[in-house]
């Protein structure tokens, strides 16, 4: 009877040790997963900030592009002036330079 009792106590102690080992393993895995979740949430915040700033830059450029109007009363006069001096009326090149300037300022 004592042998059976000691065998059961030994089995119980082994099982309790295994249980504690499993609990430790579970907690360490849970901690690692929580760390990963926190890290991913921080990355999402950074990426959301980048998207927000990019959309603000796009909005600014679109606002500036809409303000670029010529002072010619009739479109025929503008076309004639563009044929005579195409570089002077190349609005796209100025907008590209403006976009570069705004992009350099936003990095700071």
PDB file of N, CA and C in Angstrom:
ATOM      1  N   UNK A   1       0.804  -1.176   0.000  1.00  0.00           N
ATOM      2  CA  UNK A   1       0.000   0.000   0.000  1.00  0.00           C
ATOM      3  C   UNK A   1       0.863   1.263   0.000  1.00  0.00           C
ATOM      4  N   UNK A   2       1.944   1.233   0.808  1.00  0.00           N
ATOM      5  CA  UNK A   2       2.843   2.386   0.859  1.00  0.00           C
ATOM      6  C   UNK A   2       3.544   2.571  -0.484  1.00  0.00           C
ATOM      7  N   UNK A   3       3.832   1.451  -1.145  1.00  0.00           N
ATOM      8  CA  UNK A   3       4.488   1.551  -2.452  1.00  0.00           C
ATOM      9  C   UNK A   3       3.570   2.232  -3.466  1.00  0.00           C
ATOM     10  N   UNK A   4       2.287   1.859  -3.435  1.00  0.00           N
ATOM     11  CA  UNK A   4       1.329   2.479  -4.348  1.00  0.00           C
ATOM     12  C   UNK A   4       1.185   3.960  -4.036  1.00  0.00           C
ATOM     13  N   UNK A   5       1.145   4.295  -2.767  1.00  0.00           N
ATOM     14  CA  UNK A   5       1.007   5.687  -2.352  1.00  0.00           C
ATOM     15  C   UNK A   5       2.215   6.503  -2.790  1.00  0.00           C
ATOM     16  N   UNK A   6       3.405   5.974  -2.578  1.00  0.00           N
ATOM     17  CA  UNK A   6       4.616   6.700  -2.988  1.00  0.00           C
ATOM     18  C   UNK A   6       4.692   6.801  -4.513  1.00  0.00           C
ATOM     19  N   UNK A   7       4.244   5.771  -5.232  1.00  0.00           N
ATOM     20  CA  UNK A   7       4.231   5.820  -6.700  1.00  0.00           C
ATOM     21  C   UNK A   7       3.256   6.895  -7.179  1.00  0.00           C
ATOM     22  N   UNK A   8       2.097   6.990  -6.549  1.00  0.00           N
ATOM     23  CA  UNK A   8       1.117   8.016  -6.908  1.00  0.00           C
ATOM     24  C   UNK A   8       1.637   9.414  -6.574  1.00  0.00           C
ATOM     25  N   UNK A   9       2.292   9.558  -5.433  1.00  0.00           N
ATOM     26  CA  UNK A   9       2.856  10.860  -5.063  1.00  0.00           C
ATOM     27  C   UNK A   9       3.949  11.266  -6.049  1.00  0.00           C
ATOM     28  N   UNK A  10       4.753  10.302  -6.452  1.00  0.00           N
ATOM     29  CA  UNK A  10       5.808  10.585  -7.428  1.00  0.00           C
ATOM     30  C   UNK A  10       5.190  10.986  -8.762  1.00  0.00           C
ATOM     31  N   UNK A  11       4.148  10.289  -9.179  1.00  0.00           N
ATOM     32  CA  UNK A  11       3.449  10.632 -10.422  1.00  0.00           C
ATOM     33  C   UNK A  11       2.845  12.029 -10.324  1.00  0.00           C
ATOM     34  N   UNK A  12       2.258  12.331  -9.172  1.00  0.00           N
ATOM     35  CA  UNK A  12       1.664  13.656  -8.967  1.00  0.00           C
ATOM     36  C   UNK A  12       2.735  14.739  -9.027  1.00  0.00           C
ATOM     37  N   UNK A  13       3.885  14.518  -8.423  1.00  0.00           N
ATOM     38  CA  UNK A  13       4.956  15.525  -8.445  1.00  0.00           C
ATOM     39  C   UNK A  13       5.494  15.704  -9.868  1.00  0.00           C
ATOM     40  N   UNK A  14       5.628  14.604 -10.606  1.00  0.00           N
ATOM     41  CA  UNK A  14       6.098  14.701 -12.000  1.00  0.00           C
ATOM     42  C   UNK A  14       5.088  15.479 -12.835  1.00  0.00           C
ATOM     43  N   UNK A  15       3.816  15.170 -12.667  1.00  0.00           N
ATOM     44  CA  UNK A  15       2.773  15.870 -13.420  1.00  0.00           C
ATOM     45  C   UNK A  15       2.709  17.352 -13.051  1.00  0.00           C
ATOM     46  N   UNK A  16       2.878  17.667 -11.780  1.00  0.00           N
ATOM     47  CA  UNK A  16       2.856  19.080 -11.375  1.00  0.00           C
ATOM     48  C   UNK A  16       4.063  19.825 -11.942  1.00  0.00           C
ATOM     49  N   UNK A  17       5.230  19.162 -12.000  1.00  0.00           N
ATOM     50  CA  UNK A  17       6.407  19.786 -12.609  1.00  0.00           C
ATOM     51  C   UNK A  17       6.175  20.018 -14.103  1.00  0.00           C
ATOM     52  N   UNK A  18       5.581  19.038 -14.770  1.00  0.00           N
ATOM     53  CA  UNK A  18       5.279  19.202 -16.191  1.00  0.00           C
ATOM     54  C   UNK A  18       4.272  20.329 -16.406  1.00  0.00           C
ATOM     55  N   UNK A  19       3.305  20.408 -15.512  1.00  0.00           N
ATOM     56  CA  UNK A  19       2.304  21.471 -15.602  1.00  0.00           C
ATOM     57  C   UNK A  19       2.965  22.837 -15.460  1.00  0.00           C
ATOM     58  N   UNK A  20       3.852  22.989 -14.480  1.00  0.00           N
ATOM     59  CA  UNK A  20       4.558  24.259 -14.279  1.00  0.00           C
ATOM     60  C   UNK A  20       5.434  24.594 -15.477  1.00  0.00           C
ATOM     61  N   UNK A  21       6.084  23.585 -16.050  1.00  0.00           N
ATOM     62  CA  UNK A  21       6.913  23.817 -17.233  1.00  0.00           C
ATOM     63  C   UNK A  21       6.053  24.281 -18.407  1.00  0.00           C
ATOM     64  N   UNK A  22       4.890  23.674 -18.581  1.00  0.00           N
ATOM     65  CA  UNK A  22       3.982  24.076 -19.658  1.00  0.00           C
ATOM     66  C   UNK A  22       3.467  25.496 -19.443  1.00  0.00           C
ATOM     67  N   UNK A  23       3.157  25.841 -18.202  1.00  0.00           N
ATOM     68  CA  UNK A  23       2.687  27.198 -17.901  1.00  0.00           C
ATOM     69  C   UNK A  23       3.781  28.217 -18.211  1.00  0.00           C
ATOM     70  N   UNK A  24       5.031  27.921 -17.831  1.00  0.00           N
ATOM     71  CA  UNK A  24       6.152  28.825 -18.133  1.00  0.00           C
ATOM     72  C   UNK A  24       6.314  28.990 -19.635  1.00  0.00           C
ATOM     73  N   UNK A  25       6.267  27.872 -20.355  1.00  0.00           N
ATOM     74  CA  UNK A  25       6.414  27.913 -21.806  1.00  0.00           C
ATOM     75  C   UNK A  25       5.295  28.744 -22.434  1.00  0.00           C
ATOM     76  N   UNK A  26       4.085  28.547 -21.973  1.00  0.00           N
ATOM     77  CA  UNK A  26       2.945  29.300 -22.489  1.00  0.00           C
ATOM     78  C   UNK A  26       3.114  30.796 -22.235  1.00  0.00           C
ATOM     79  N   UNK A  27       3.560  31.142 -21.015  1.00  0.00           N
ATOM     80  CA  UNK A  27       3.730  32.560 -20.684  1.00  0.00           C
ATOM     81  C   UNK A  27       4.824  33.203 -21.524  1.00  0.00           C
ATOM     82  N   UNK A  28       5.932  32.496 -21.747  1.00  0.00           N
ATOM     83  CA  UNK A  28       6.999  33.078 -22.566  1.00  0.00           C
ATOM     84  C   UNK A  28       6.529  33.248 -24.009  1.00  0.00           C
ATOM     85  N   UNK A  29       5.780  32.273 -24.523  1.00  0.00           N
ATOM     86  CA  UNK A  29       5.254  32.407 -25.882  1.00  0.00           C
ATOM     87  C   UNK A  29       4.247  33.547 -25.963  1.00  0.00           C
ATOM     88  N   UNK A  30       3.436  33.677 -24.939  1.00  0.00           N
ATOM     89  CA  UNK A  30       2.454  34.758 -24.910  1.00  0.00           C
ATOM     90  C   UNK A  30       3.158  36.119 -24.860  1.00  0.00           C
ATOM     91  N   UNK A  31       4.214  36.225 -24.064  1.00  0.00           N
ATOM     92  CA  UNK A  31       4.975  37.474 -23.986  1.00  0.00           C
ATOM     93  C   UNK A  31       5.593  37.822 -25.336  1.00  0.00           C
ATOM     94  N   UNK A  32       6.131  36.813 -26.013  1.00  0.00           N
ATOM     95  CA  UNK A  32       6.721  37.056 -27.333  1.00  0.00           C
ATOM     96  C   UNK A  32       5.664  37.537 -28.316  1.00  0.00           C
ATOM     97  N   UNK A  33       4.502  36.912 -28.287  1.00  0.00           N
ATOM     98  CA  UNK A  33       3.419  37.312 -29.187  1.00  0.00           C
ATOM     99  C   UNK A  33       2.939  38.727 -28.872  1.00  0.00           C
ATOM    100  N   UNK A  34       2.849  39.064 -27.605  1.00  0.00           N
ATOM    101  CA  UNK A  34       2.443  40.422 -27.225  1.00  0.00           C
ATOM    102  C   UNK A  34       3.475  41.448 -27.677  1.00  0.00           C
ATOM    103  N   UNK A  35       4.755  41.109 -27.553  1.00  0.00           N
ATOM    104  CA  UNK A  35       5.805  42.003 -28.039  1.00  0.00           C
ATOM    105  C   UNK A  35       5.685  42.216 -29.543  1.00  0.00           C
ATOM    106  N   UNK A  36       5.383  41.143 -30.270  1.00  0.00           N
ATOM    107  CA  UNK A  36       5.213  41.266 -31.721  1.00  0.00           C
ATOM    108  C   UNK A  36       4.030  42.163 -32.053  1.00  0.00           C
ATOM    109  N   UNK A  37       2.936  42.004 -31.311  1.00  0.00           N
ATOM    110  CA  UNK A  37       1.745  42.821 -31.553  1.00  0.00           C
ATOM    111  C   UNK A  37       2.052  44.292 -31.290  1.00  0.00           C
ATOM    112  N   UNK A  38       2.748  44.570 -30.214  1.00  0.00           N
ATOM    113  CA  UNK A  38       3.105  45.958 -29.888  1.00  0.00           C
ATOM    114  C   UNK A  38       4.005  46.542 -30.965  1.00  0.00           C
ATOM    115  N   UNK A  39       4.974  45.768 -31.412  1.00  0.00           N
ATOM    116  CA  UNK A  39       5.886  46.227 -32.460  1.00  0.00           C
ATOM    117  C   UNK A  39       5.127  46.504 -33.759  1.00  0.00           C
ATOM    118  N   UNK A  40       4.205  45.627 -34.118  1.00  0.00           N
ATOM    119  CA  UNK A  40       3.418  45.832 -35.335  1.00  0.00           C
ATOM    120  C   UNK A  40       2.508  47.054 -35.216  1.00  0.00           C
ATOM    121  N   UNK A  41       1.951  47.286 -34.039  1.00  0.00           N
ATOM    122  CA  UNK A  41       1.118  48.477 -33.842  1.00  0.00           C
ATOM    123  C   UNK A  41       1.941  49.749 -33.997  1.00  0.00           C
ATOM    124  N   UNK A  42       3.180  49.734 -33.514  1.00  0.00           N
ATOM    125  CA  UNK A  42       4.049  50.898 -33.675  1.00  0.00           C
ATOM    126  C   UNK A  42       4.373  51.125 -35.148  1.00  0.00           C
ATOM    127  N   UNK A  43       4.619  50.036 -35.882  1.00  0.00           N
ATOM    128  CA  UNK A  43       4.891  50.174 -37.314  1.00  0.00           C
ATOM    129  C   UNK A  43       3.675  50.725 -38.050  1.00  0.00           C
ATOM    130  N   UNK A  44       2.485  50.290 -37.658  1.00  0.00           N
ATOM    131  CA  UNK A  44       1.260  50.796 -38.281  1.00  0.00           C
ATOM    132  C   UNK A  44       1.117  52.294 -38.022  1.00  0.00           C
ATOM    133  N   UNK A  45       1.432  52.736 -36.812  1.00  0.00           N
ATOM    134  CA  UNK A  45       1.360  54.168 -36.505  1.00  0.00           C
ATOM    135  C   UNK A  45       2.322  54.962 -37.379  1.00  0.00           C
ATOM    136  N   UNK A  46       3.542  54.453 -37.545  1.00  0.00           N
ATOM    137  CA  UNK A  46       4.534  55.139 -38.381  1.00  0.00           C
ATOM    138  C   UNK A  46       4.044  55.204 -39.823  1.00  0.00           C
ATOM    139  N   UNK A  47       3.532  54.092 -40.334  1.00  0.00           N
ATOM    140  CA  UNK A  47       3.054  54.067 -41.716  1.00  0.00           C
ATOM    141  C   UNK A  47       1.824  54.953 -41.902  1.00  0.00           C
ATOM    142  N   UNK A  48       0.943  54.995 -40.928  1.00  0.00           N
ATOM    143  CA  UNK A  48      -0.211  55.899 -41.003  1.00  0.00           C
ATOM    144  C   UNK A  48       0.245  57.352 -41.044  1.00  0.00           C
ATOM    145  N   UNK A  49       1.271  57.671 -40.277  1.00  0.00           N
ATOM    146  CA  UNK A  49       1.814  59.023 -40.273  1.00  0.00           C
ATOM    147  C   UNK A  49       2.391  59.370 -41.642  1.00  0.00           C
ATOM    148  N   UNK A  50       3.093  58.416 -42.252  1.00  0.00           N
ATOM    149  CA  UNK A  50       3.666  58.645 -43.583  1.00  0.00           C
ATOM    150  C   UNK A  50       2.555  58.870 -44.601  1.00  0.00           C
ATOM    151  N   UNK A  51       1.518  58.048 -44.547  1.00  0.00           N
ATOM    152  CA  UNK A  51       0.392  58.200 -45.478  1.00  0.00           C
ATOM    153  C   UNK A  51      -0.281  59.553 -45.273  1.00  0.00           C
ATOM    154  N   UNK A  52      -0.442  59.964 -44.034  1.00  0.00           N
ATOM    155  CA  UNK A  52      -1.072  61.247 -43.737  1.00  0.00           C
ATOM    156  C   UNK A  52      -0.248  62.398 -44.312  1.00  0.00           C
ATOM    157  N   UNK A  53       1.068  62.353 -44.094  1.00  0.00           N
ATOM    158  CA  UNK A  53       1.928  63.422 -44.611  1.00  0.00           C
ATOM    159  C   UNK A  53       1.947  63.428 -46.131  1.00  0.00           C
ATOM    160  N   UNK A  54       1.943  62.243 -46.740  1.00  0.00           N
ATOM    161  CA  UNK A  54       1.942  62.162 -48.196  1.00  0.00           C
ATOM    162  C   UNK A  54       0.656  62.745 -48.762  1.00  0.00           C
ATOM    163  N   UNK A  55      -0.464  62.429 -48.141  1.00  0.00           N
ATOM    164  CA  UNK A  55      -1.735  62.967 -48.636  1.00  0.00           C
ATOM    165  C   UNK A  55      -1.789  64.480 -48.454  1.00  0.00           C
ATOM    166  N   UNK A  56      -1.180  64.982 -47.379  1.00  0.00           N
ATOM    167  CA  UNK A  56      -1.124  66.433 -47.199  1.00  0.00           C
ATOM    168  C   UNK A  56      -0.278  67.075 -48.293  1.00  0.00           C
ATOM    169  N   UNK A  57       0.856  66.448 -48.634  1.00  0.00           N
ATOM    170  CA  UNK A  57       1.710  66.981 -49.691  1.00  0.00           C
ATOM    171  C   UNK A  57       0.976  66.970 -51.024  1.00  0.00           C
ATOM    172  N   UNK A  58       0.276  65.872 -51.316  1.00  0.00           N
ATOM    173  CA  UNK A  58      -0.496  65.794 -52.557  1.00  0.00           C
ATOM    174  C   UNK A  58      -1.562  66.878 -52.600  1.00  0.00           C
ATOM    175  N   UNK A  59      -2.213  67.085 -51.482  1.00  0.00           N
ATOM    176  CA  UNK A  59      -3.258  68.098 -51.419  1.00  0.00           C
ATOM    177  C   UNK A  59      -2.664  69.489 -51.654  1.00  0.00           C
ATOM    178  N   UNK A  60      -1.499  69.757 -51.076  1.00  0.00           N
ATOM    179  CA  UNK A  60      -0.843  71.053 -51.258  1.00  0.00           C
ATOM    180  C   UNK A  60      -0.457  71.260 -52.712  1.00  0.00           C
ATOM    181  N   UNK A  61       0.111  70.228 -53.325  1.00  0.00           N
ATOM    182  CA  UNK A  61       0.521  70.342 -54.729  1.00  0.00           C
ATOM    183  C   UNK A  61      -0.699  70.564 -55.611  1.00  0.00           C
ATOM    184  N   UNK A  62      -1.793  69.851 -55.345  1.00  0.00           N
ATOM    185  CA  UNK A  62      -3.009  70.046 -56.139  1.00  0.00           C
ATOM    186  C   UNK A  62      -3.559  71.455 -55.973  1.00  0.00           C
ATOM    187  N   UNK A  63      -3.487  71.991 -54.766  1.00  0.00           N
ATOM    188  CA  UNK A  63      -3.954  73.355 -54.547  1.00  0.00           C
ATOM    189  C   UNK A  63      -3.100  74.340 -55.334  1.00  0.00           C
ATOM    190  N   UNK A  64      -1.790  74.127 -55.337  1.00  0.00           N
ATOM    191  CA  UNK A  64      -0.902  75.032 -56.060  1.00  0.00           C
ATOM    192  C   UNK A  64      -1.081  74.891 -57.564  1.00  0.00           C
ATOM    193  N   UNK A  65      -1.320  73.679 -58.047  1.00  0.00           N
ATOM    194  CA  UNK A  65      -1.528  73.474 -59.480  1.00  0.00           C
ATOM    195  C   UNK A  65      -2.789  74.174 -59.960  1.00  0.00           C
ATOM    196  N   UNK A  66      -3.817  74.193 -59.144  1.00  0.00           N
ATOM    197  CA  UNK A  66      -5.059  74.844 -59.547  1.00  0.00           C
ATOM    198  C   UNK A  66      -4.909  76.358 -59.611  1.00  0.00           C
ATOM    199  N   UNK A  67      -3.938  76.910 -58.911  1.00  0.00           N
ATOM    200  CA  UNK A  67      -3.738  78.358 -58.922  1.00  0.00           C
ATOM    201  C   UNK A  67      -2.896  78.813 -60.111  1.00  0.00           C
ATOM    202  N   UNK A  68      -2.282  77.887 -60.840  1.00  0.00           N
ATOM    203  CA  UNK A  68      -1.445  78.237 -61.993  1.00  0.00           C
ATOM    204  C   UNK A  68      -2.350  78.554 -63.176  1.00  0.00           C
ATOM    205  N   UNK A  69      -2.636  79.791 -63.371  1.00  0.00           N
ATOM    206  CA  UNK A  69      -3.456  80.202 -64.505  1.00  0.00           C
ATOM    207  C   UNK A  69      -2.641  81.196 -65.335  1.00  0.00           C
ATOM    208  N   UNK A  70      -2.910  81.185 -66.610  1.00  0.00           N
ATOM    209  CA  UNK A  70      -2.211  82.129 -67.482  1.00  0.00           C
ATOM    210  C   UNK A  70      -2.993  83.432 -67.524  1.00  0.00           C
ATOM    211  N   UNK A  71      -2.330  84.477 -67.950  1.00  0.00           N
ATOM    212  CA  UNK A  71      -2.973  85.787 -67.996  1.00  0.00           C
ATOM    213  C   UNK A  71      -3.510  86.099 -69.390  1.00  0.00           C
ATOM    214  N   UNK A  72      -3.546  85.110 -70.271  1.00  0.00           N
ATOM    215  CA  UNK A  72      -4.041  85.345 -71.622  1.00  0.00           C
ATOM    216  C   UNK A  72      -5.568  85.328 -71.631  1.00  0.00           C
ATOM    217  N   UNK A  73      -6.143  86.295 -72.314  1.00  0.00           N
ATOM    218  CA  UNK A  73      -7.596  86.399 -72.376  1.00  0.00           C
ATOM    219  C   UNK A  73      -8.182  85.312 -73.265  1.00  0.00           C
ATOM    220  N   UNK A  74      -7.490  84.996 -74.348  1.00  0.00           N
ATOM    221  CA  UNK A  74      -7.995  83.986 -75.277  1.00  0.00           C
ATOM    222  C   UNK A  74      -6.975  82.853 -75.382  1.00  0.00           C
ATOM    223  N   UNK A  75      -7.430  81.625 -75.470  1.00  0.00           N
ATOM    224  CA  UNK A  75      -6.502  80.495 -75.577  1.00  0.00           C
ATOM    225  C   UNK A  75      -5.641  80.541 -76.838  1.00  0.00           C
ATOM    226  N   UNK A  76      -6.126  81.207 -77.893  1.00  0.00           N
ATOM    227  CA  UNK A  76      -5.331  81.294 -79.130  1.00  0.00           C
ATOM    228  C   UNK A  76      -4.034  82.059 -78.889  1.00  0.00           C
ATOM    229  N   UNK A  77      -4.122  83.117 -78.080  1.00  0.00           N
ATOM    230  CA  UNK A  77      -2.925  83.905 -77.788  1.00  0.00           C
ATOM    231  C   UNK A  77      -1.908  83.081 -77.003  1.00  0.00           C
ATOM    232  N   UNK A  78      -2.400  82.274 -76.086  1.00  0.00           N
ATOM    233  CA  UNK A  78      -1.512  81.402 -75.316  1.00  0.00           C
ATOM    234  C   UNK A  78      -0.825  80.395 -76.229  1.00  0.00           C
ATOM    235  N   UNK A  79      -1.586  79.780 -77.133  1.00  0.00           N
ATOM    236  CA  UNK A  79      -0.994  78.793 -78.047  1.00  0.00           C
ATOM    237  C   UNK A  79       0.057  79.440 -78.938  1.00  0.00           C
ATOM    238  N   UNK A  80      -0.201  80.648 -79.391  1.00  0.00           N
ATOM    239  CA  UNK A  80       0.763  81.350 -80.235  1.00  0.00           C
ATOM    240  C   UNK A  80       2.040  81.640 -79.446  1.00  0.00           C
ATOM    241  N   UNK A  81       1.889  82.099 -78.207  1.00  0.00           N
ATOM    242  CA  UNK A  81       3.059  82.390 -77.371  1.00  0.00           C
ATOM    243  C   UNK A  81       3.826  81.111 -77.055  1.00  0.00           C
ATOM    244  N   UNK A  82       3.122  80.017 -76.854  1.00  0.00           N
ATOM    245  CA  UNK A  82       3.798  78.745 -76.575  1.00  0.00           C
ATOM    246  C   UNK A  82       4.579  78.263 -77.785  1.00  0.00           C
ATOM    247  N   UNK A  83       4.045  78.484 -78.983  1.00  0.00           N
ATOM    248  CA  UNK A  83       4.780  78.078 -80.188  1.00  0.00           C
ATOM    249  C   UNK A  83       6.046  78.903 -80.358  1.00  0.00           C
ATOM    250  N   UNK A  84       5.986  80.179 -80.031  1.00  0.00           N
ATOM    251  CA  UNK A  84       7.145  81.047 -80.197  1.00  0.00           C
ATOM    252  C   UNK A  84       8.224  80.761 -79.154  1.00  0.00           C
ATOM    253  N   UNK A  85       7.832  80.504 -77.924  1.00  0.00           N
ATOM    254  CA  UNK A  85       8.803  80.237 -76.859  1.00  0.00           C
ATOM    255  C   UNK A  85       8.246  79.126 -75.954  1.00  0.00           C
ATOM    256  N   UNK A  86       8.413  77.861 -76.357  1.00  0.00           N
ATOM    257  CA  UNK A  86       7.778  76.773 -75.598  1.00  0.00           C
ATOM    258  C   UNK A  86       8.330  76.604 -74.185  1.00  0.00           C
ATOM    259  N   UNK A  87       9.592  76.884 -73.980  1.00  0.00           N
ATOM    260  CA  UNK A  87      10.196  76.678 -72.655  1.00  0.00           C
ATOM    261  C   UNK A  87       9.630  77.655 -71.621  1.00  0.00           C
ATOM    262  N   UNK A  88       9.327  78.845 -72.058  1.00  0.00           N
ATOM    263  CA  UNK A  88       8.820  79.867 -71.151  1.00  0.00           C
ATOM    264  C   UNK A  88       7.448  79.496 -70.581  1.00  0.00           C
ATOM    265  N   UNK A  89       6.652  78.801 -71.380  1.00  0.00           N
ATOM    266  CA  UNK A  89       5.292  78.474 -70.955  1.00  0.00           C
ATOM    267  C   UNK A  89       5.127  77.005 -70.586  1.00  0.00           C
ATOM    268  N   UNK A  90       6.216  76.347 -70.266  1.00  0.00           N
ATOM    269  CA  UNK A  90       6.151  74.940 -69.853  1.00  0.00           C
ATOM    270  C   UNK A  90       5.838  74.893 -68.362  1.00  0.00           C
ATOM    271  N   UNK A  91       4.559  74.947 -68.036  1.00  0.00           N
ATOM    272  CA  UNK A  91       4.118  75.008 -66.643  1.00  0.00           C
ATOM    273  C   UNK A  91       4.468  73.729 -65.898  1.00  0.00           C
ATOM    274  N   UNK A  92       4.448  72.606 -66.582  1.00  0.00           N
ATOM    275  CA  UNK A  92       4.741  71.322 -65.940  1.00  0.00           C
ATOM    276  C   UNK A  92       6.121  71.294 -65.318  1.00  0.00           C
ATOM    277  N   UNK A  93       7.102  71.913 -65.958  1.00  0.00           N
ATOM    278  CA  UNK A  93       8.463  71.905 -65.411  1.00  0.00           C
ATOM    279  C   UNK A  93       8.519  72.692 -64.112  1.00  0.00           C
ATOM    280  N   UNK A  94       7.759  73.787 -64.013  1.00  0.00           N
ATOM    281  CA  UNK A  94       7.753  74.553 -62.776  1.00  0.00           C
ATOM    282  C   UNK A  94       7.050  73.793 -61.666  1.00  0.00           C
ATOM    283  N   UNK A  95       5.995  73.101 -62.010  1.00  0.00           N
ATOM    284  CA  UNK A  95       5.289  72.312 -61.000  1.00  0.00           C
ATOM    285  C   UNK A  95       6.155  71.169 -60.502  1.00  0.00           C
ATOM    286  N   UNK A  96       6.957  70.570 -61.391  1.00  0.00           N
ATOM    287  CA  UNK A  96       7.862  69.502 -60.959  1.00  0.00           C
ATOM    288  C   UNK A  96       8.901  70.048 -59.989  1.00  0.00           C
ATOM    289  N   UNK A  97       9.444  71.226 -60.302  1.00  0.00           N
ATOM    290  CA  UNK A  97      10.421  71.832 -59.397  1.00  0.00           C
ATOM    291  C   UNK A  97       9.769  72.174 -58.059  1.00  0.00           C
ATOM    292  N   UNK A  98       8.558  72.653 -58.104  1.00  0.00           N
ATOM    293  CA  UNK A  98       7.835  72.976 -56.879  1.00  0.00           C
ATOM    294  C   UNK A  98       7.594  71.719 -56.055  1.00  0.00           C
ATOM    295  N   UNK A  99       7.251  70.630 -56.729  1.00  0.00           N
ATOM    296  CA  UNK A  99       7.037  69.363 -56.019  1.00  0.00           C
ATOM    297  C   UNK A  99       8.329  68.896 -55.361  1.00  0.00           C
ATOM    298  N   UNK A 100       9.459  69.067 -56.042  1.00  0.00           N
ATOM    299  CA  UNK A 100      10.744  68.683 -55.450  1.00  0.00           C
ATOM    300  C   UNK A 100      11.063  69.543 -54.235  1.00  0.00           C
ATOM    301  N   UNK A 101      10.801  70.828 -54.330  1.00  0.00           N
ATOM    302  CA  UNK A 101      11.069  71.722 -53.205  1.00  0.00           C
ATOM    303  C   UNK A 101      10.206  71.337 -52.009  1.00  0.00           C
ATOM    304  N   UNK A 102       8.920  71.072 -52.256  1.00  0.00           N
ATOM    305  CA  UNK A 102       8.032  70.683 -51.161  1.00  0.00           C
ATOM    306  C   UNK A 102       8.436  69.348 -50.569  1.00  0.00           C
ATOM    307  N   UNK A 103       8.892  68.420 -51.403  1.00  0.00           N
ATOM    308  CA  UNK A 103       9.309  67.106 -50.902  1.00  0.00           C
ATOM    309  C   UNK A 103      10.544  67.243 -50.026  1.00  0.00           C
ATOM    310  N   UNK A 104      11.476  68.109 -50.405  1.00  0.00           N
ATOM    311  CA  UNK A 104      12.681  68.301 -49.596  1.00  0.00           C
ATOM    312  C   UNK A 104      12.330  68.939 -48.259  1.00  0.00           C
ATOM    313  N   UNK A 105      11.382  69.877 -48.256  1.00  0.00           N
ATOM    314  CA  UNK A 105      10.989  70.521 -47.006  1.00  0.00           C
ATOM    315  C   UNK A 105      10.279  69.557 -46.069  1.00  0.00           C
ATOM    316  N   UNK A 106       9.499  68.631 -46.610  1.00  0.00           N
ATOM    317  CA  UNK A 106       8.729  67.731 -45.749  1.00  0.00           C
ATOM    318  C   UNK A 106       9.612  66.703 -45.061  1.00  0.00           C
ATOM    319  N   UNK A 107      10.790  66.397 -45.591  1.00  0.00           N
ATOM    320  CA  UNK A 107      11.685  65.428 -44.954  1.00  0.00           C
ATOM    321  C   UNK A 107      12.287  65.966 -43.669  1.00  0.00           C
ATOM    322  N   UNK A 108      12.391  67.272 -43.571  1.00  0.00           N
ATOM    323  CA  UNK A 108      12.962  67.865 -42.370  1.00  0.00           C
ATOM    324  C   UNK A 108      12.008  67.720 -41.248  1.00  0.00           C
TER     325      UNK A 108
END
